[in-house]
């Protein structure tokens, strides 16, 4: 199953479109709440149709992949993050869309 088929309805339910900026904002929000130390080792480069993520080491890259695989395997968790936030919340966290 394509990723967009799984996550697009979740984004749409909360009036998001699943742009690269929104994905980056969601991932930053999750990291800040659940694994803030890891975010310090990552650099985001969002675009309209996707985003790039750069890690400062292979270890950080592996930690990120493992952490996010667990997060995104739980769609209920993704629903809860998007439900509790809005553009203003992202902005308050210094996350721009």
Protein backbone atom coordinates (compact mmCIF):
# COMPACT_ATOMS: atom_id res chain seq x y z
CA UNK A 1 0.00 0.00 0.00
CA UNK A 2 1.28 3.46 -0.89
CA UNK A 3 2.18 5.78 1.97
CA UNK A 4 -0.14 8.45 0.62
CA UNK A 5 -3.07 6.02 0.77
CA UNK A 6 -2.44 5.43 4.46
CA UNK A 7 -1.68 8.95 5.66
CA UNK A 8 -3.55 11.26 3.25
CA UNK A 9 -6.95 10.61 4.93
CA UNK A 10 -5.39 11.35 8.32
CA UNK A 11 -4.02 14.70 7.13
CA UNK A 12 -7.26 15.56 5.34
CA UNK A 13 -9.37 14.87 8.40
CA UNK A 14 -7.62 17.78 10.13
CA UNK A 15 -7.58 20.07 7.07
CA UNK A 16 -3.99 19.42 6.08
CA UNK A 17 -2.87 18.34 2.62
CA UNK A 18 0.21 16.29 3.45
CA UNK A 19 2.69 18.72 1.92
CA UNK A 20 6.37 18.42 2.68
CA UNK A 21 6.05 21.37 5.06
CA UNK A 22 3.23 19.67 6.95
CA UNK A 23 5.12 16.37 7.15
CA UNK A 24 8.19 18.19 8.45
CA UNK A 25 6.09 20.09 11.01
CA UNK A 26 4.40 16.90 12.20
CA UNK A 27 7.70 15.05 12.54
CA UNK A 28 9.28 17.97 14.40
CA UNK A 29 6.29 18.06 16.76
CA UNK A 30 6.60 14.33 17.46
CA UNK A 31 10.34 14.65 18.02
CA UNK A 32 9.94 17.61 20.39
CA UNK A 33 7.41 15.73 22.48
CA UNK A 34 8.93 12.26 22.44
CA UNK A 35 12.61 12.50 21.52
CA UNK A 36 13.89 16.10 21.68
CA UNK A 37 17.54 15.07 21.87
CA UNK A 38 17.33 13.42 18.46
CA UNK A 39 16.01 16.57 16.76
CA UNK A 40 19.29 18.33 17.55
CA UNK A 41 21.02 15.96 15.15
CA UNK A 42 18.65 16.51 12.23
CA UNK A 43 18.17 19.20 9.62
CA UNK A 44 14.94 19.49 7.65
CA UNK A 45 14.52 20.82 4.12
CA UNK A 46 10.80 20.77 3.29
CA UNK A 47 9.31 21.48 -0.10
CA UNK A 48 5.72 21.55 -1.32
CA UNK A 49 5.77 17.97 -2.59
CA UNK A 50 8.08 16.35 -0.04
CA UNK A 51 10.94 17.02 2.27
CA UNK A 52 14.53 16.04 2.81
CA UNK A 53 16.03 15.19 6.14
CA UNK A 54 19.74 15.26 6.86
CA UNK A 55 21.30 13.60 9.90
CA UNK A 56 24.69 14.55 11.31
CA UNK A 57 25.81 10.92 11.48
CA UNK A 58 24.84 7.42 10.46
CA UNK A 59 23.98 6.70 14.08
CA UNK A 60 21.50 9.62 14.14
CA UNK A 61 20.06 8.48 10.83
CA UNK A 62 19.46 4.98 12.18
CA UNK A 63 17.98 6.31 15.43
CA UNK A 64 15.60 8.53 13.46
CA UNK A 65 14.51 5.72 11.14
CA UNK A 66 13.88 3.35 14.03
CA UNK A 67 12.04 5.94 16.11
CA UNK A 68 9.82 7.18 13.29
CA UNK A 69 9.02 3.65 12.07
CA UNK A 70 7.52 2.96 15.49
CA UNK A 71 5.62 6.26 15.52
CA UNK A 72 4.18 5.91 12.02
CA UNK A 73 3.15 2.30 12.53
CA UNK A 74 0.59 3.64 15.02
CA UNK A 75 -1.93 5.64 12.98
CA UNK A 76 -3.94 6.39 16.13
CA UNK A 77 -0.90 8.25 17.46
CA UNK A 78 -0.66 10.26 14.23
CA UNK A 79 -4.36 11.12 14.47
CA UNK A 80 -3.83 12.31 18.03
CA UNK A 81 -0.91 14.57 17.11
CA UNK A 82 -2.78 16.18 14.23
CA UNK A 83 -5.96 16.48 16.30
CA UNK A 84 -4.23 18.37 19.10
CA UNK A 85 -2.53 20.88 16.88
CA UNK A 86 -3.21 23.51 14.27
CA UNK A 87 -1.13 26.02 12.33
CA UNK A 88 -0.97 28.29 15.39
CA UNK A 89 0.40 25.46 17.55
CA UNK A 90 3.04 24.70 14.93
CA UNK A 91 4.01 28.37 14.87
CA UNK A 92 4.22 28.52 18.68
CA UNK A 93 6.68 25.64 18.51
CA UNK A 94 8.74 27.52 15.94
CA UNK A 95 7.64 25.14 13.20
CA UNK A 96 6.60 26.95 10.06
CA UNK A 97 4.34 25.52 7.41
